[in-house]
Structures are given as C-alpha cells and as structure tokens.
C-alpha cells in the first residue's frame, strides 16, 4: 500500500490522521479512494495542491502510477512571481 502524508490543511477530514495507507493504481484512483474513505477529501484538495511521489514533484500527476511501497505527499501549491 502507498503511504499518503496528509497535509495539515486536510487533517480535519481524516480525523487528525497524519498518514494513511491506500491501495491504488494511479494518483486519480488514490484520490478517489481517499474521497470514499474521507468524504469531501477530493473537493477540498481542489487545484490548490501539488503531488510528490517518493520525493519527486509531478507536474501532471493524475494518471501517474502509484508505487505499492511508495510515499505520496500533497503539497500546498505556491504562487509567486514578480
């Protein structure tokens, strides 16, 4: 199972759990599984988060395979410039 590190902003949805384990084929399936387990997770995730798998930040993660023994982080997206 993939270990998902839950960002502080979404921990209220997981009952305060900092990490959860999820079985999924790809990132889209992982988010769907999290939403089934924690209703509202996908909606709260929205477009405000980036995805990193095993330390690699992914630019278009939704169809990216999820390693069975990997670690996935949802990172708050940062805006900047100027």
PDB file of N, CA and C in Angstrom:
ATOM      1  N   UNK A   1       0.837  -1.185   0.000  1.00  0.00           N
ATOM      2  CA  UNK A   1       0.000   0.000   0.000  1.00  0.00           C
ATOM      3  C   UNK A   1       0.879   1.245   0.000  1.00  0.00           C
ATOM      4  N   UNK A   2       0.366   2.274  -0.613  1.00  0.00           N
ATOM      5  CA  UNK A   2       1.083   3.547  -0.659  1.00  0.00           C
ATOM      6  C   UNK A   2       0.789   4.341   0.608  1.00  0.00           C
ATOM      7  N   UNK A   3       1.818   4.904   1.183  1.00  0.00           N
ATOM      8  CA  UNK A   3       1.639   5.753   2.359  1.00  0.00           C
ATOM      9  C   UNK A   3       1.389   7.171   1.872  1.00  0.00           C
ATOM     10  N   UNK A   4       0.297   7.763   2.345  1.00  0.00           N
ATOM     11  CA  UNK A   4      -0.060   9.134   1.971  1.00  0.00           C
ATOM     12  C   UNK A   4       0.142  10.020   3.197  1.00  0.00           C
ATOM     13  N   UNK A   5       0.971  11.041   3.037  1.00  0.00           N
ATOM     14  CA  UNK A   5       1.172  12.014   4.104  1.00  0.00           C
ATOM     15  C   UNK A   5       0.130  13.116   3.902  1.00  0.00           C
ATOM     16  N   UNK A   6      -0.747  13.266   4.875  1.00  0.00           N
ATOM     17  CA  UNK A   6      -1.867  14.201   4.772  1.00  0.00           C
ATOM     18  C   UNK A   6      -1.409  15.577   5.236  1.00  0.00           C
ATOM     19  N   UNK A   7      -1.596  16.608   4.396  1.00  0.00           N
ATOM     20  CA  UNK A   7      -1.203  17.957   4.816  1.00  0.00           C
ATOM     21  C   UNK A   7      -2.079  18.446   5.966  1.00  0.00           C
ATOM     22  N   UNK A   8      -1.522  19.311   6.772  1.00  0.00           N
ATOM     23  CA  UNK A   8      -2.223  19.850   7.944  1.00  0.00           C
ATOM     24  C   UNK A   8      -3.596  20.393   7.553  1.00  0.00           C
ATOM     25  N   UNK A   9      -3.685  21.058   6.418  1.00  0.00           N
ATOM     26  CA  UNK A   9      -4.944  21.691   5.986  1.00  0.00           C
ATOM     27  C   UNK A   9      -6.062  20.685   5.743  1.00  0.00           C
ATOM     28  N   UNK A  10      -5.722  19.404   5.546  1.00  0.00           N
ATOM     29  CA  UNK A  10      -6.745  18.391   5.255  1.00  0.00           C
ATOM     30  C   UNK A  10      -6.924  17.382   6.378  1.00  0.00           C
ATOM     31  N   UNK A  11      -6.205  17.530   7.458  1.00  0.00           N
ATOM     32  CA  UNK A  11      -6.268  16.534   8.536  1.00  0.00           C
ATOM     33  C   UNK A  11      -7.596  16.498   9.265  1.00  0.00           C
ATOM     34  N   UNK A  12      -8.355  17.578   9.226  1.00  0.00           N
ATOM     35  CA  UNK A  12      -9.681  17.545   9.847  1.00  0.00           C
ATOM     36  C   UNK A  12     -10.563  16.509   9.155  1.00  0.00           C
ATOM     37  N   UNK A  13     -10.343  16.312   7.856  1.00  0.00           N
ATOM     38  CA  UNK A  13     -11.123  15.328   7.097  1.00  0.00           C
ATOM     39  C   UNK A  13     -10.738  13.895   7.436  1.00  0.00           C
ATOM     40  N   UNK A  14      -9.501  13.696   7.889  1.00  0.00           N
ATOM     41  CA  UNK A  14      -9.022  12.347   8.200  1.00  0.00           C
ATOM     42  C   UNK A  14      -9.085  12.044   9.691  1.00  0.00           C
ATOM     43  N   UNK A  15      -9.797  12.868  10.424  1.00  0.00           N
ATOM     44  CA  UNK A  15      -9.883  12.665  11.862  1.00  0.00           C
ATOM     45  C   UNK A  15      -8.562  12.922  12.564  1.00  0.00           C
ATOM     46  N   UNK A  16      -7.726  13.763  11.944  1.00  0.00           N
ATOM     47  CA  UNK A  16      -6.436  14.106  12.532  1.00  0.00           C
ATOM     48  C   UNK A  16      -5.299  13.192  12.135  1.00  0.00           C
ATOM     49  N   UNK A  17      -5.592  12.163  11.348  1.00  0.00           N
ATOM     50  CA  UNK A  17      -4.529  11.245  10.929  1.00  0.00           C
ATOM     51  C   UNK A  17      -3.527  11.971  10.047  1.00  0.00           C
ATOM     52  N   UNK A  18      -2.245  11.804  10.365  1.00  0.00           N
ATOM     53  CA  UNK A  18      -1.174  12.450   9.607  1.00  0.00           C
ATOM     54  C   UNK A  18      -0.769  11.622   8.395  1.00  0.00           C
ATOM     55  N   UNK A  19      -0.940  10.299   8.485  1.00  0.00           N
ATOM     56  CA  UNK A  19      -0.602   9.402   7.392  1.00  0.00           C
ATOM     57  C   UNK A  19      -1.674   8.331   7.296  1.00  0.00           C
ATOM     58  N   UNK A  20      -1.988   7.967   6.066  1.00  0.00           N
ATOM     59  CA  UNK A  20      -2.923   6.871   5.824  1.00  0.00           C
ATOM     60  C   UNK A  20      -2.335   6.003   4.714  1.00  0.00           C
ATOM     61  N   UNK A  21      -2.739   4.745   4.677  1.00  0.00           N
ATOM     62  CA  UNK A  21      -2.281   3.851   3.625  1.00  0.00           C
ATOM     63  C   UNK A  21      -3.431   3.575   2.676  1.00  0.00           C
ATOM     64  N   UNK A  22      -3.105   3.622   1.385  1.00  0.00           N
ATOM     65  CA  UNK A  22      -4.129   3.485   0.352  1.00  0.00           C
ATOM     66  C   UNK A  22      -3.588   2.567  -0.750  1.00  0.00           C
ATOM     67  N   UNK A  23      -4.460   1.717  -1.280  1.00  0.00           N
ATOM     68  CA  UNK A  23      -4.114   0.883  -2.415  1.00  0.00           C
ATOM     69  C   UNK A  23      -4.769   1.503  -3.647  1.00  0.00           C
ATOM     70  N   UNK A  24      -3.957   1.840  -4.638  1.00  0.00           N
ATOM     71  CA  UNK A  24      -4.475   2.431  -5.870  1.00  0.00           C
ATOM     72  C   UNK A  24      -3.478   2.198  -6.993  1.00  0.00           C
ATOM     73  N   UNK A  25      -3.972   2.252  -8.210  1.00  0.00           N
ATOM     74  CA  UNK A  25      -3.130   2.061  -9.389  1.00  0.00           C
ATOM     75  C   UNK A  25      -2.438   3.353  -9.804  1.00  0.00           C
ATOM     76  N   UNK A  26      -3.180   4.483  -9.705  1.00  0.00           N
ATOM     77  CA  UNK A  26      -2.629   5.771 -10.119  1.00  0.00           C
ATOM     78  C   UNK A  26      -3.115   6.859  -9.166  1.00  0.00           C
ATOM     79  N   UNK A  27      -2.627   8.070  -9.360  1.00  0.00           N
ATOM     80  CA  UNK A  27      -2.967   9.161  -8.452  1.00  0.00           C
ATOM     81  C   UNK A  27      -4.471   9.436  -8.459  1.00  0.00           C
ATOM     82  N   UNK A  28      -5.093   9.404  -9.620  1.00  0.00           N
ATOM     83  CA  UNK A  28      -6.541   9.631  -9.689  1.00  0.00           C
ATOM     84  C   UNK A  28      -7.284   8.602  -8.841  1.00  0.00           C
ATOM     85  N   UNK A  29      -6.917   7.337  -8.955  1.00  0.00           N
ATOM     86  CA  UNK A  29      -7.547   6.285  -8.162  1.00  0.00           C
ATOM     87  C   UNK A  29      -7.281   6.451  -6.677  1.00  0.00           C
ATOM     88  N   UNK A  30      -6.098   6.924  -6.345  1.00  0.00           N
ATOM     89  CA  UNK A  30      -5.749   7.162  -4.950  1.00  0.00           C
ATOM     90  C   UNK A  30      -6.626   8.268  -4.361  1.00  0.00           C
ATOM     91  N   UNK A  31      -6.810   9.340  -5.107  1.00  0.00           N
ATOM     92  CA  UNK A  31      -7.661  10.440  -4.631  1.00  0.00           C
ATOM     93  C   UNK A  31      -9.105   9.958  -4.486  1.00  0.00           C
ATOM     94  N   UNK A  32      -9.572   9.140  -5.428  1.00  0.00           N
ATOM     95  CA  UNK A  32     -10.930   8.595  -5.332  1.00  0.00           C
ATOM     96  C   UNK A  32     -11.080   7.713  -4.095  1.00  0.00           C
ATOM     97  N   UNK A  33     -10.062   6.885  -3.831  1.00  0.00           N
ATOM     98  CA  UNK A  33     -10.105   6.017  -2.649  1.00  0.00           C
ATOM     99  C   UNK A  33     -10.103   6.851  -1.363  1.00  0.00           C
ATOM    100  N   UNK A  34      -9.303   7.906  -1.337  1.00  0.00           N
ATOM    101  CA  UNK A  34      -9.295   8.789  -0.167  1.00  0.00           C
ATOM    102  C   UNK A  34     -10.644   9.471   0.012  1.00  0.00           C
ATOM    103  N   UNK A  35     -11.275   9.868  -1.104  1.00  0.00           N
ATOM    104  CA  UNK A  35     -12.571  10.545  -1.028  1.00  0.00           C
ATOM    105  C   UNK A  35     -13.659   9.595  -0.540  1.00  0.00           C
ATOM    106  N   UNK A  36     -13.567   8.317  -0.911  1.00  0.00           N
ATOM    107  CA  UNK A  36     -14.537   7.335  -0.412  1.00  0.00           C
ATOM    108  C   UNK A  36     -14.357   7.110   1.085  1.00  0.00           C
ATOM    109  N   UNK A  37     -13.119   7.071   1.501  1.00  0.00           N
ATOM    110  CA  UNK A  37     -12.808   6.831   2.912  1.00  0.00           C
ATOM    111  C   UNK A  37     -13.052   8.077   3.766  1.00  0.00           C
ATOM    112  N   UNK A  38     -12.743   9.239   3.195  1.00  0.00           N
ATOM    113  CA  UNK A  38     -12.890  10.516   3.891  1.00  0.00           C
ATOM    114  C   UNK A  38     -13.694  11.458   2.993  1.00  0.00           C
ATOM    115  N   UNK A  39     -15.022  11.384   3.048  1.00  0.00           N
ATOM    116  CA  UNK A  39     -15.857  12.191   2.152  1.00  0.00           C
ATOM    117  C   UNK A  39     -15.477  13.676   2.185  1.00  0.00           C
ATOM    118  N   UNK A  40     -15.365  14.251   0.996  1.00  0.00           N
ATOM    119  CA  UNK A  40     -15.007  15.652   0.858  1.00  0.00           C
ATOM    120  C   UNK A  40     -13.526  15.874   0.612  1.00  0.00           C
ATOM    121  N   UNK A  41     -12.720  14.811   0.691  1.00  0.00           N
ATOM    122  CA  UNK A  41     -11.275  14.952   0.523  1.00  0.00           C
ATOM    123  C   UNK A  41     -10.934  15.493  -0.859  1.00  0.00           C
ATOM    124  N   UNK A  42     -11.489  14.906  -1.905  1.00  0.00           N
ATOM    125  CA  UNK A  42     -11.158  15.326  -3.282  1.00  0.00           C
ATOM    126  C   UNK A  42     -11.562  16.777  -3.517  1.00  0.00           C
ATOM    127  N   UNK A  43     -12.742  17.155  -3.069  1.00  0.00           N
ATOM    128  CA  UNK A  43     -13.215  18.533  -3.250  1.00  0.00           C
ATOM    129  C   UNK A  43     -12.309  19.506  -2.509  1.00  0.00           C
ATOM    130  N   UNK A  44     -11.908  19.149  -1.302  1.00  0.00           N
ATOM    131  CA  UNK A  44     -11.035  20.015  -0.519  1.00  0.00           C
ATOM    132  C   UNK A  44      -9.638  20.109  -1.116  1.00  0.00           C
ATOM    133  N   UNK A  45      -9.221  19.062  -1.785  1.00  0.00           N
ATOM    134  CA  UNK A  45      -7.913  19.061  -2.435  1.00  0.00           C
ATOM    135  C   UNK A  45      -7.908  20.054  -3.584  1.00  0.00           C
ATOM    136  N   UNK A  46      -8.972  20.064  -4.375  1.00  0.00           N
ATOM    137  CA  UNK A  46      -9.116  21.021  -5.466  1.00  0.00           C
ATOM    138  C   UNK A  46      -7.862  21.186  -6.293  1.00  0.00           C
ATOM    139  N   UNK A  47      -7.578  22.398  -6.714  1.00  0.00           N
ATOM    140  CA  UNK A  47      -6.394  22.691  -7.512  1.00  0.00           C
ATOM    141  C   UNK A  47      -5.285  23.300  -6.672  1.00  0.00           C
ATOM    142  N   UNK A  48      -5.473  23.346  -5.371  1.00  0.00           N
ATOM    143  CA  UNK A  48      -4.528  24.032  -4.512  1.00  0.00           C
ATOM    144  C   UNK A  48      -3.368  23.198  -4.008  1.00  0.00           C
ATOM    145  N   UNK A  49      -3.184  21.991  -4.577  1.00  0.00           N
ATOM    146  CA  UNK A  49      -2.127  21.129  -4.102  1.00  0.00           C
ATOM    147  C   UNK A  49      -1.355  20.524  -5.259  1.00  0.00           C
ATOM    148  N   UNK A  50      -0.061  20.348  -5.043  1.00  0.00           N
ATOM    149  CA  UNK A  50       0.784  19.612  -5.970  1.00  0.00           C
ATOM    150  C   UNK A  50       0.961  18.208  -5.380  1.00  0.00           C
ATOM    151  N   UNK A  51       1.458  17.291  -6.196  1.00  0.00           N
ATOM    152  CA  UNK A  51       1.659  15.913  -5.762  1.00  0.00           C
ATOM    153  C   UNK A  51       3.129  15.562  -5.904  1.00  0.00           C
ATOM    154  N   UNK A  52       3.658  14.916  -4.874  1.00  0.00           N
ATOM    155  CA  UNK A  52       5.022  14.388  -4.924  1.00  0.00           C
ATOM    156  C   UNK A  52       4.970  12.905  -4.563  1.00  0.00           C
ATOM    157  N   UNK A  53       5.629  12.098  -5.381  1.00  0.00           N
ATOM    158  CA  UNK A  53       5.737  10.673  -5.102  1.00  0.00           C
ATOM    159  C   UNK A  53       7.208  10.361  -4.894  1.00  0.00           C
ATOM    160  N   UNK A  54       7.500   9.794  -3.744  1.00  0.00           N
ATOM    161  CA  UNK A  54       8.877   9.446  -3.373  1.00  0.00           C
ATOM    162  C   UNK A  54       9.838  10.605  -3.612  1.00  0.00           C
ATOM    163  N   UNK A  55       9.391  11.810  -3.247  1.00  0.00           N
ATOM    164  CA  UNK A  55      10.244  12.989  -3.309  1.00  0.00           C
ATOM    165  C   UNK A  55      10.272  13.712  -4.644  1.00  0.00           C
ATOM    166  N   UNK A  56       9.607  13.174  -5.658  1.00  0.00           N
ATOM    167  CA  UNK A  56       9.593  13.815  -6.980  1.00  0.00           C
ATOM    168  C   UNK A  56       8.265  14.545  -7.180  1.00  0.00           C
ATOM    169  N   UNK A  57       8.327  15.862  -7.367  1.00  0.00           N
ATOM    170  CA  UNK A  57       7.113  16.650  -7.597  1.00  0.00           C
ATOM    171  C   UNK A  57       6.667  16.433  -9.035  1.00  0.00           C
ATOM    172  N   UNK A  58       5.395  16.108  -9.205  1.00  0.00           N
ATOM    173  CA  UNK A  58       4.843  15.782 -10.518  1.00  0.00           C
ATOM    174  C   UNK A  58       4.012  16.948 -11.039  1.00  0.00           C
ATOM    175  N   UNK A  59       4.220  17.281 -12.290  1.00  0.00           N
ATOM    176  CA  UNK A  59       3.504  18.410 -12.882  1.00  0.00           C
ATOM    177  C   UNK A  59       2.118  18.033 -13.382  1.00  0.00           C
ATOM    178  N   UNK A  60       1.928  16.803 -13.829  1.00  0.00           N
ATOM    179  CA  UNK A  60       0.626  16.328 -14.304  1.00  0.00           C
ATOM    180  C   UNK A  60       0.398  14.939 -13.709  1.00  0.00           C
ATOM    181  N   UNK A  61       0.019  14.890 -12.425  1.00  0.00           N
ATOM    182  CA  UNK A  61       0.085  13.629 -11.687  1.00  0.00           C
ATOM    183  C   UNK A  61      -1.074  12.656 -11.870  1.00  0.00           C
ATOM    184  N   UNK A  62      -2.208  13.061 -12.416  1.00  0.00           N
ATOM    185  CA  UNK A  62      -3.434  12.279 -12.281  1.00  0.00           C
ATOM    186  C   UNK A  62      -3.366  10.861 -12.821  1.00  0.00           C
ATOM    187  N   UNK A  63      -2.626  10.615 -13.880  1.00  0.00           N
ATOM    188  CA  UNK A  63      -2.518   9.259 -14.415  1.00  0.00           C
ATOM    189  C   UNK A  63      -1.196   8.602 -14.045  1.00  0.00           C
ATOM    190  N   UNK A  64      -0.408   9.274 -13.235  1.00  0.00           N
ATOM    191  CA  UNK A  64       0.894   8.758 -12.811  1.00  0.00           C
ATOM    192  C   UNK A  64       0.700   7.506 -11.951  1.00  0.00           C
ATOM    193  N   UNK A  65       1.412   6.426 -12.258  1.00  0.00           N
ATOM    194  CA  UNK A  65       1.306   5.216 -11.426  1.00  0.00           C
ATOM    195  C   UNK A  65       1.756   5.493  -9.993  1.00  0.00           C
ATOM    196  N   UNK A  66       1.124   4.801  -9.069  1.00  0.00           N
ATOM    197  CA  UNK A  66       1.454   4.931  -7.652  1.00  0.00           C
ATOM    198  C   UNK A  66       2.193   3.668  -7.229  1.00  0.00           C
ATOM    199  N   UNK A  67       3.435   3.805  -6.755  1.00  0.00           N
ATOM    200  CA  UNK A  67       4.179   2.620  -6.331  1.00  0.00           C
ATOM    201  C   UNK A  67       3.559   1.984  -5.086  1.00  0.00           C
ATOM    202  N   UNK A  68       3.540   0.668  -5.073  1.00  0.00           N
ATOM    203  CA  UNK A  68       2.911  -0.058  -3.980  1.00  0.00           C
ATOM    204  C   UNK A  68       3.529   0.265  -2.623  1.00  0.00           C
ATOM    205  N   UNK A  69       4.820   0.434  -2.582  1.00  0.00           N
ATOM    206  CA  UNK A  69       5.506   0.722  -1.321  1.00  0.00           C
ATOM    207  C   UNK A  69       6.009   2.160  -1.277  1.00  0.00           C
ATOM    208  N   UNK A  70       5.384   3.046  -2.030  1.00  0.00           N
ATOM    209  CA  UNK A  70       5.849   4.422  -2.112  1.00  0.00           C
ATOM    210  C   UNK A  70       5.236   5.327  -1.066  1.00  0.00           C
ATOM    211  N   UNK A  71       5.643   6.582  -1.146  1.00  0.00           N
ATOM    212  CA  UNK A  71       5.120   7.610  -0.253  1.00  0.00           C
ATOM    213  C   UNK A  71       4.670   8.791  -1.099  1.00  0.00           C
ATOM    214  N   UNK A  72       3.446   9.219  -0.890  1.00  0.00           N
ATOM    215  CA  UNK A  72       2.863  10.316  -1.652  1.00  0.00           C
ATOM    216  C   UNK A  72       2.562  11.468  -0.710  1.00  0.00           C
ATOM    217  N   UNK A  73       2.913  12.670  -1.160  1.00  0.00           N
ATOM    218  CA  UNK A  73       2.619  13.895  -0.407  1.00  0.00           C
ATOM    219  C   UNK A  73       1.754  14.803  -1.259  1.00  0.00           C
ATOM    220  N   UNK A  74       0.764  15.410  -0.629  1.00  0.00           N
ATOM    221  CA  UNK A  74       0.021  16.508  -1.245  1.00  0.00           C
ATOM    222  C   UNK A  74       0.652  17.767  -0.681  1.00  0.00           C
ATOM    223  N   UNK A  75       1.211  18.589  -1.556  1.00  0.00           N
ATOM    224  CA  UNK A  75       1.903  19.800  -1.140  1.00  0.00           C
ATOM    225  C   UNK A  75       1.078  21.018  -1.503  1.00  0.00           C
ATOM    226  N   UNK A  76       0.905  21.953  -0.589  1.00  0.00           N
ATOM    227  CA  UNK A  76       0.188  23.170  -0.951  1.00  0.00           C
ATOM    228  C   UNK A  76       0.899  23.858  -2.111  1.00  0.00           C
ATOM    229  N   UNK A  77       0.133  24.197  -3.144  1.00  0.00           N
ATOM    230  CA  UNK A  77       0.711  24.873  -4.302  1.00  0.00           C
ATOM    231  C   UNK A  77       1.136  26.283  -3.881  1.00  0.00           C
ATOM    232  N   UNK A  78       2.276  26.688  -4.357  1.00  0.00           N
ATOM    233  CA  UNK A  78       2.788  28.011  -4.038  1.00  0.00           C
ATOM    234  C   UNK A  78       2.635  28.911  -5.243  1.00  0.00           C
ATOM    235  N   UNK A  79       2.132  30.077  -5.014  1.00  0.00           N
ATOM    236  CA  UNK A  79       2.035  31.070  -6.090  1.00  0.00           C
ATOM    237  C   UNK A  79       3.117  32.112  -5.849  1.00  0.00           C
ATOM    238  N   UNK A  80       3.600  32.631  -6.908  1.00  0.00           N
ATOM    239  CA  UNK A  80       4.632  33.637  -6.723  1.00  0.00           C
ATOM    240  C   UNK A  80       4.941  34.320  -8.016  1.00  0.00           C
ATOM    241  N   UNK A  81       5.913  35.120  -7.979  1.00  0.00           N
ATOM    242  CA  UNK A  81       6.320  35.835  -9.177  1.00  0.00           C
ATOM    243  C   UNK A  81       6.560  37.295  -8.835  1.00  0.00           C
ATOM    244  N   UNK A  82       6.914  37.973  -9.853  1.00  0.00           N
ATOM    245  CA  UNK A  82       7.049  39.387  -9.607  1.00  0.00           C
ATOM    246  C   UNK A  82       8.376  39.825  -9.869  1.00  0.00           C
TER     247      UNK A  82
END
